[in-house]
Amino acid sequence: MKHIPLRSCIVCRRQKDKSELLRIVRQPDGAVVIDATGKAAGRGAYVCKSGDCMQTAVKKRALNRAYKQPLSDEVYKELEKAYESIDAD
């Protein structure tokens, strides 16, 4: 039986398959990006691919808690735009 990695959503705290979640990475240079491959270097945080969890993460600034540092409003706006482009595909 193959091992299926589980990760927790930072918003709803549900454990799901890694493939069902969207990974958001704070890279070593400080940039925060959506990691489509799931293998980018840096500190990762996972959010459900559903629009509700992503909207709540932006609204409540959940990534600040996950990364233990405040992120700027520009970062959250860029994440929303990137998520909308992924969601449209």
C-alpha atoms as a PDB file:
ATOM      1  CA  MET A   1       0.000   0.000   0.000  1.00  0.00           C
ATOM      2  CA  LYS A   2       1.404   3.354  -1.048  1.00  0.00           C
ATOM      3  CA  HIS A   3       1.802   6.079   1.561  1.00  0.00           C
ATOM      4  CA  ILE A   4      -0.366   9.149   0.876  1.00  0.00           C
ATOM      5  CA  PRO A   5       1.029  12.297   2.498  1.00  0.00           C
ATOM      6  CA  LEU A   6      -1.501  14.261   4.559  1.00  0.00           C
ATOM      7  CA  ARG A   7      -1.334  17.972   5.267  1.00  0.00           C
ATOM      8  CA  SER A   8      -3.556  20.337   7.263  1.00  0.00           C
ATOM      9  CA  CYS A   9      -5.270  23.418   5.889  1.00  0.00           C
ATOM     10  CA  ILE A  10      -4.198  26.497   7.883  1.00  0.00           C
ATOM     11  CA  VAL A  11      -7.763  27.843   7.788  1.00  0.00           C
ATOM     12  CA  CYS A  12     -10.173  24.966   8.461  1.00  0.00           C
ATOM     13  CA  ARG A  13      -7.549  22.660  10.056  1.00  0.00           C
ATOM     14  CA  ARG A  14      -8.841  19.606   8.152  1.00  0.00           C
ATOM     15  CA  GLN A  15      -6.315  17.001   7.098  1.00  0.00           C
ATOM     16  CA  LYS A  16      -6.427  16.130   3.418  1.00  0.00           C
ATOM     17  CA  ASP A  17      -4.250  14.528   0.783  1.00  0.00           C
ATOM     18  CA  LYS A  18      -1.415  16.819  -0.200  1.00  0.00           C
ATOM     19  CA  SER A  19      -2.793  16.835  -3.762  1.00  0.00           C
ATOM     20  CA  GLU A  20      -6.115  18.318  -2.573  1.00  0.00           C
ATOM     21  CA  LEU A  21      -4.436  21.366  -1.028  1.00  0.00           C
ATOM     22  CA  LEU A  22      -2.707  24.411  -2.451  1.00  0.00           C
ATOM     23  CA  ARG A  23       0.823  25.054  -1.156  1.00  0.00           C
ATOM     24  CA  ILE A  24       1.885  28.624  -0.479  1.00  0.00           C
ATOM     25  CA  VAL A  25       5.626  29.054   0.022  1.00  0.00           C
ATOM     26  CA  ARG A  26       7.719  31.714   1.699  1.00  0.00           C
ATOM     27  CA  GLN A  27      10.961  31.397  -0.216  1.00  0.00           C
ATOM     28  CA  PRO A  28      14.390  31.939   1.383  1.00  0.00           C
ATOM     29  CA  ASP A  29      14.544  35.422  -0.178  1.00  0.00           C
ATOM     30  CA  GLY A  30      11.257  36.369   1.541  1.00  0.00           C
ATOM     31  CA  ALA A  31       8.966  36.182  -1.500  1.00  0.00           C
ATOM     32  CA  VAL A  32       5.610  34.458  -1.003  1.00  0.00           C
ATOM     33  CA  VAL A  33       4.286  32.484  -3.993  1.00  0.00           C
ATOM     34  CA  ILE A  34       1.834  29.719  -4.829  1.00  0.00           C
ATOM     35  CA  ASP A  35       3.748  26.491  -5.429  1.00  0.00           C
ATOM     36  CA  ALA A  36       2.056  24.457  -8.152  1.00  0.00           C
ATOM     37  CA  THR A  37       4.657  21.665  -8.011  1.00  0.00           C
ATOM     38  CA  GLY A  38       4.605  21.194  -4.239  1.00  0.00           C
ATOM     39  CA  LYS A  39       8.388  20.970  -4.179  1.00  0.00           C
ATOM     40  CA  ALA A  40       9.652  24.560  -4.105  1.00  0.00           C
ATOM     41  CA  ALA A  41      12.267  25.436  -1.501  1.00  0.00           C
ATOM     42  CA  GLY A  42      11.043  27.352   1.509  1.00  0.00           C
ATOM     43  CA  ARG A  43       8.502  27.273   4.305  1.00  0.00           C
ATOM     44  CA  GLY A  44       5.181  25.901   3.084  1.00  0.00           C
ATOM     45  CA  ALA A  45       1.631  26.440   4.286  1.00  0.00           C
ATOM     46  CA  TYR A  46      -1.372  24.618   2.878  1.00  0.00           C
ATOM     47  CA  VAL A  47      -4.840  25.952   2.048  1.00  0.00           C
ATOM     48  CA  CYS A  48      -7.842  24.051   0.652  1.00  0.00           C
ATOM     49  CA  LYS A  49      -8.349  24.577  -3.053  1.00  0.00           C
ATOM     50  CA  SER A  50     -11.916  25.694  -2.305  1.00  0.00           C
ATOM     51  CA  GLY A  51     -12.527  29.413  -2.647  1.00  0.00           C
ATOM     52  CA  ASP A  52     -13.895  29.702   0.888  1.00  0.00           C
ATOM     53  CA  CYS A  53     -10.656  28.729   2.616  1.00  0.00           C
ATOM     54  CA  MET A  54      -8.515  30.975   0.416  1.00  0.00           C
ATOM     55  CA  GLN A  55     -10.851  33.941   0.970  1.00  0.00           C
ATOM     56  CA  THR A  56     -10.798  33.320   4.726  1.00  0.00           C
ATOM     57  CA  ALA A  57      -6.991  33.025   4.713  1.00  0.00           C
ATOM     58  CA  VAL A  58      -6.743  36.439   3.055  1.00  0.00           C
ATOM     59  CA  LYS A  59      -9.450  38.021   5.199  1.00  0.00           C
ATOM     60  CA  LYS A  60      -8.056  36.782   8.526  1.00  0.00           C
ATOM     61  CA  ARG A  61      -4.400  37.056   7.475  1.00  0.00           C
ATOM     62  CA  ALA A  62      -3.832  33.365   8.304  1.00  0.00           C
ATOM     63  CA  LEU A  63      -0.420  33.320   6.633  1.00  0.00           C
ATOM     64  CA  ASN A  64       0.899  35.748   9.245  1.00  0.00           C
ATOM     65  CA  ARG A  65       0.315  33.069  11.866  1.00  0.00           C
ATOM     66  CA  ALA A  66       1.667  30.252   9.694  1.00  0.00           C
ATOM     67  CA  TYR A  67       4.906  32.084   8.884  1.00  0.00           C
ATOM     68  CA  LYS A  68       5.186  33.777  12.306  1.00  0.00           C
ATOM     69  CA  GLN A  69       5.730  37.179  10.688  1.00  0.00           C
ATOM     70  CA  PRO A  70       3.462  39.868   9.255  1.00  0.00           C
ATOM     71  CA  LEU A  71       2.986  39.914   5.480  1.00  0.00           C
ATOM     72  CA  SER A  72       2.115  43.046   3.544  1.00  0.00           C
ATOM     73  CA  ASP A  73      -1.239  43.727   1.907  1.00  0.00           C
ATOM     74  CA  GLU A  74       0.465  43.535  -1.499  1.00  0.00           C
ATOM     75  CA  VAL A  75       1.414  39.894  -0.841  1.00  0.00           C
ATOM     76  CA  TYR A  76      -2.194  38.993  -0.065  1.00  0.00           C
ATOM     77  CA  LYS A  77      -3.451  40.824  -3.169  1.00  0.00           C
ATOM     78  CA  GLU A  78      -0.939  38.978  -5.354  1.00  0.00           C
ATOM     79  CA  LEU A  79      -1.969  35.652  -3.824  1.00  0.00           C
ATOM     80  CA  GLU A  80      -5.622  36.401  -4.549  1.00  0.00           C
ATOM     81  CA  LYS A  81      -4.804  37.200  -8.182  1.00  0.00           C
ATOM     82  CA  ALA A  82      -2.683  34.062  -8.556  1.00  0.00           C
ATOM     83  CA  TYR A  83      -5.405  31.934  -6.956  1.00  0.00           C
ATOM     84  CA  GLU A  84      -8.066  33.367  -9.269  1.00  0.00           C
ATOM     85  CA  SER A  85      -5.948  32.519 -12.313  1.00  0.00           C
ATOM     86  CA  ILE A  86      -5.449  28.942 -11.038  1.00  0.00           C
ATOM     87  CA  ASP A  87      -9.141  28.610 -10.145  1.00  0.00           C
ATOM     88  CA  ALA A  88     -10.173  29.743 -13.634  1.00  0.00           C
ATOM     89  CA  ASP A  89      -8.171  26.933 -15.290  1.00  0.00           C
END
